[in-house]
Amino acid sequence: MKYSVLIEQDEDGAYVAECSALPGCISQGKTRHEAIDNIKDAIKGYLASLKKHNEPMPPSIEEETVEVYA
């Protein structure tokens, strides 16, 4: 499954990753790569919890990146 993740660097230099399709699914890391690895683990745990409690799984996304020249 694919989910969109927003990654931002905070004021302390850490990277914070959030999956908006999964409310409250947030992780962080000292590097961008670490934050991505951590949010993947958080998403897996979130989905496992949904499955365990027979909750519906949010649909996977399809996303495009659009480049615009001004």
N, C-alpha and C. Protein backbone atom coordinates (compact mmCIF):
# COMPACT_ATOMS: atom_id res chain seq x y z
N MET A 1 0.84 -1.18 0.00
CA MET A 1 0.00 0.00 0.00
C MET A 1 0.89 1.24 0.00
N LYS A 2 0.38 2.30 -0.56
CA LYS A 2 1.12 3.56 -0.61
C LYS A 2 0.34 4.64 0.12
N TYR A 3 1.05 5.39 0.95
CA TYR A 3 0.46 6.52 1.66
C TYR A 3 1.37 7.72 1.51
N SER A 4 0.76 8.87 1.39
CA SER A 4 1.51 10.12 1.30
C SER A 4 2.02 10.51 2.68
N VAL A 5 3.28 10.93 2.73
CA VAL A 5 3.91 11.32 3.98
C VAL A 5 4.52 12.71 3.81
N LEU A 6 4.25 13.58 4.75
CA LEU A 6 4.84 14.92 4.77
C LEU A 6 6.03 14.89 5.72
N ILE A 7 7.19 15.36 5.24
CA ILE A 7 8.39 15.39 6.06
C ILE A 7 8.87 16.83 6.17
N GLU A 8 9.02 17.28 7.41
CA GLU A 8 9.49 18.64 7.67
C GLU A 8 10.60 18.60 8.70
N GLN A 9 11.52 19.53 8.58
CA GLN A 9 12.58 19.65 9.57
C GLN A 9 12.13 20.65 10.62
N ASP A 10 12.23 20.27 11.90
CA ASP A 10 11.79 21.17 12.96
C ASP A 10 12.90 22.13 13.37
N GLU A 11 12.59 23.01 14.31
CA GLU A 11 13.55 24.05 14.71
C GLU A 11 14.81 23.50 15.38
N ASP A 12 14.76 22.26 15.85
CA ASP A 12 15.92 21.63 16.48
C ASP A 12 16.74 20.81 15.49
N GLY A 13 16.31 20.76 14.24
CA GLY A 13 17.04 20.04 13.21
C GLY A 13 16.57 18.61 12.99
N ALA A 14 15.63 18.13 13.81
CA ALA A 14 15.10 16.78 13.63
C ALA A 14 14.08 16.79 12.49
N TYR A 15 13.86 15.62 11.89
CA TYR A 15 12.89 15.50 10.82
C TYR A 15 11.63 14.84 11.37
N VAL A 16 10.49 15.44 11.08
CA VAL A 16 9.20 14.95 11.54
C VAL A 16 8.42 14.48 10.32
N ALA A 17 7.91 13.25 10.40
CA ALA A 17 7.15 12.66 9.29
C ALA A 17 5.73 12.39 9.76
N GLU A 18 4.75 12.77 8.92
CA GLU A 18 3.35 12.59 9.28
C GLU A 18 2.58 12.03 8.09
N CYS A 19 1.74 11.04 8.37
CA CYS A 19 0.87 10.45 7.36
C CYS A 19 -0.54 10.97 7.58
N SER A 20 -0.98 11.90 6.75
CA SER A 20 -2.27 12.56 6.96
C SER A 20 -3.46 11.62 6.79
N ALA A 21 -3.31 10.55 6.03
CA ALA A 21 -4.41 9.61 5.83
C ALA A 21 -4.68 8.77 7.08
N LEU A 22 -3.71 8.76 8.01
CA LEU A 22 -3.81 7.98 9.23
C LEU A 22 -3.68 8.94 10.41
N PRO A 23 -4.78 9.48 10.90
CA PRO A 23 -4.73 10.49 11.95
C PRO A 23 -3.89 10.07 13.16
N GLY A 24 -2.95 10.94 13.53
CA GLY A 24 -2.09 10.69 14.68
C GLY A 24 -0.87 9.85 14.36
N CYS A 25 -0.71 9.44 13.10
CA CYS A 25 0.44 8.63 12.71
C CYS A 25 1.60 9.56 12.37
N ILE A 26 2.46 9.78 13.36
CA ILE A 26 3.57 10.72 13.25
C ILE A 26 4.82 10.05 13.80
N SER A 27 5.95 10.32 13.19
CA SER A 27 7.22 9.81 13.69
C SER A 27 8.29 10.86 13.41
N GLN A 28 9.51 10.56 13.82
CA GLN A 28 10.60 11.51 13.59
C GLN A 28 11.92 10.77 13.51
N GLY A 29 12.96 11.50 13.15
CA GLY A 29 14.30 10.94 13.09
C GLY A 29 15.33 12.04 13.05
N LYS A 30 16.57 11.68 13.34
CA LYS A 30 17.66 12.66 13.30
C LYS A 30 17.99 13.06 11.87
N THR A 31 17.75 12.13 10.93
CA THR A 31 17.98 12.40 9.51
C THR A 31 16.68 12.15 8.75
N ARG A 32 16.63 12.62 7.53
CA ARG A 32 15.45 12.40 6.68
C ARG A 32 15.23 10.90 6.47
N HIS A 33 16.32 10.19 6.20
CA HIS A 33 16.24 8.73 5.99
C HIS A 33 15.70 8.02 7.23
N GLU A 34 16.18 8.40 8.39
CA GLU A 34 15.71 7.79 9.64
C GLU A 34 14.22 8.09 9.86
N ALA A 35 13.81 9.31 9.56
CA ALA A 35 12.39 9.67 9.71
C ALA A 35 11.52 8.83 8.79
N ILE A 36 11.98 8.59 7.57
CA ILE A 36 11.23 7.77 6.62
C ILE A 36 11.13 6.34 7.11
N ASP A 37 12.25 5.77 7.58
CA ASP A 37 12.22 4.41 8.13
C ASP A 37 11.26 4.33 9.32
N ASN A 38 11.30 5.33 10.17
CA ASN A 38 10.45 5.33 11.37
C ASN A 38 8.97 5.48 11.03
N ILE A 39 8.64 6.31 10.04
CA ILE A 39 7.22 6.47 9.69
C ILE A 39 6.70 5.20 9.01
N LYS A 40 7.55 4.51 8.27
CA LYS A 40 7.14 3.23 7.69
C LYS A 40 6.75 2.25 8.79
N ASP A 41 7.56 2.18 9.83
CA ASP A 41 7.25 1.31 10.97
C ASP A 41 5.96 1.75 11.66
N ALA A 42 5.78 3.06 11.81
CA ALA A 42 4.57 3.59 12.45
C ALA A 42 3.33 3.25 11.63
N ILE A 43 3.44 3.37 10.31
CA ILE A 43 2.31 3.05 9.43
C ILE A 43 1.98 1.56 9.52
N LYS A 44 2.99 0.70 9.52
CA LYS A 44 2.76 -0.74 9.65
C LYS A 44 2.03 -1.05 10.96
N GLY A 45 2.48 -0.43 12.04
CA GLY A 45 1.83 -0.63 13.34
C GLY A 45 0.40 -0.13 13.35
N TYR A 46 0.17 1.03 12.75
CA TYR A 46 -1.16 1.62 12.67
C TYR A 46 -2.11 0.68 11.92
N LEU A 47 -1.65 0.19 10.75
CA LEU A 47 -2.48 -0.70 9.94
C LEU A 47 -2.74 -2.03 10.65
N ALA A 48 -1.73 -2.54 11.36
CA ALA A 48 -1.90 -3.78 12.13
C ALA A 48 -2.97 -3.60 13.20
N SER A 49 -2.98 -2.43 13.85
CA SER A 49 -3.97 -2.15 14.88
C SER A 49 -5.38 -2.07 14.28
N LEU A 50 -5.50 -1.43 13.12
CA LEU A 50 -6.80 -1.36 12.44
C LEU A 50 -7.30 -2.76 12.13
N LYS A 51 -6.41 -3.59 11.60
CA LYS A 51 -6.79 -4.96 11.24
C LYS A 51 -7.21 -5.74 12.48
N LYS A 52 -6.45 -5.61 13.55
CA LYS A 52 -6.74 -6.33 14.79
C LYS A 52 -8.12 -5.98 15.34
N HIS A 53 -8.52 -4.72 15.18
CA HIS A 53 -9.79 -4.24 15.71
C HIS A 53 -10.90 -4.23 14.65
N ASN A 54 -10.65 -4.90 13.53
CA ASN A 54 -11.62 -4.99 12.43
C ASN A 54 -12.10 -3.62 11.95
N GLU A 55 -11.19 -2.67 11.92
CA GLU A 55 -11.49 -1.33 11.41
C GLU A 55 -11.14 -1.29 9.92
N PRO A 56 -11.82 -0.46 9.14
CA PRO A 56 -11.51 -0.38 7.71
C PRO A 56 -10.13 0.24 7.46
N MET A 57 -9.48 -0.26 6.44
CA MET A 57 -8.17 0.27 6.04
C MET A 57 -8.37 1.46 5.11
N PRO A 58 -7.69 2.57 5.36
CA PRO A 58 -7.77 3.70 4.43
C PRO A 58 -7.20 3.27 3.08
N PRO A 59 -7.80 3.74 2.00
CA PRO A 59 -7.32 3.31 0.68
C PRO A 59 -5.91 3.82 0.40
N SER A 60 -5.21 3.05 -0.38
CA SER A 60 -3.89 3.44 -0.87
C SER A 60 -4.05 4.63 -1.82
N ILE A 61 -3.03 5.42 -1.96
CA ILE A 61 -3.12 6.60 -2.82
C ILE A 61 -2.33 6.42 -4.11
N GLU A 62 -2.69 7.18 -5.08
CA GLU A 62 -1.89 7.34 -6.29
C GLU A 62 -1.62 8.82 -6.39
N GLU A 63 -0.38 9.16 -6.58
CA GLU A 63 0.01 10.56 -6.53
C GLU A 63 0.88 10.91 -7.72
N GLU A 64 0.75 12.11 -8.18
CA GLU A 64 1.57 12.63 -9.26
C GLU A 64 2.31 13.86 -8.77
N THR A 65 3.50 14.04 -9.26
CA THR A 65 4.25 15.27 -9.00
C THR A 65 4.19 16.11 -10.27
N VAL A 66 3.82 17.36 -10.10
CA VAL A 66 3.67 18.25 -11.24
C VAL A 66 4.70 19.36 -11.13
N GLU A 67 5.44 19.59 -12.19
CA GLU A 67 6.43 20.65 -12.19
C GLU A 67 5.88 21.81 -13.02
N VAL A 68 5.94 23.00 -12.48
CA VAL A 68 5.40 24.18 -13.16
C VAL A 68 6.52 25.20 -13.31
N TYR A 69 6.62 25.75 -14.49
CA TYR A 69 7.62 26.80 -14.75
C TYR A 69 6.89 28.13 -14.86
N ALA A 70 7.39 29.11 -14.16
CA ALA A 70 6.75 30.41 -14.21
C ALA A 70 7.63 31.41 -14.92
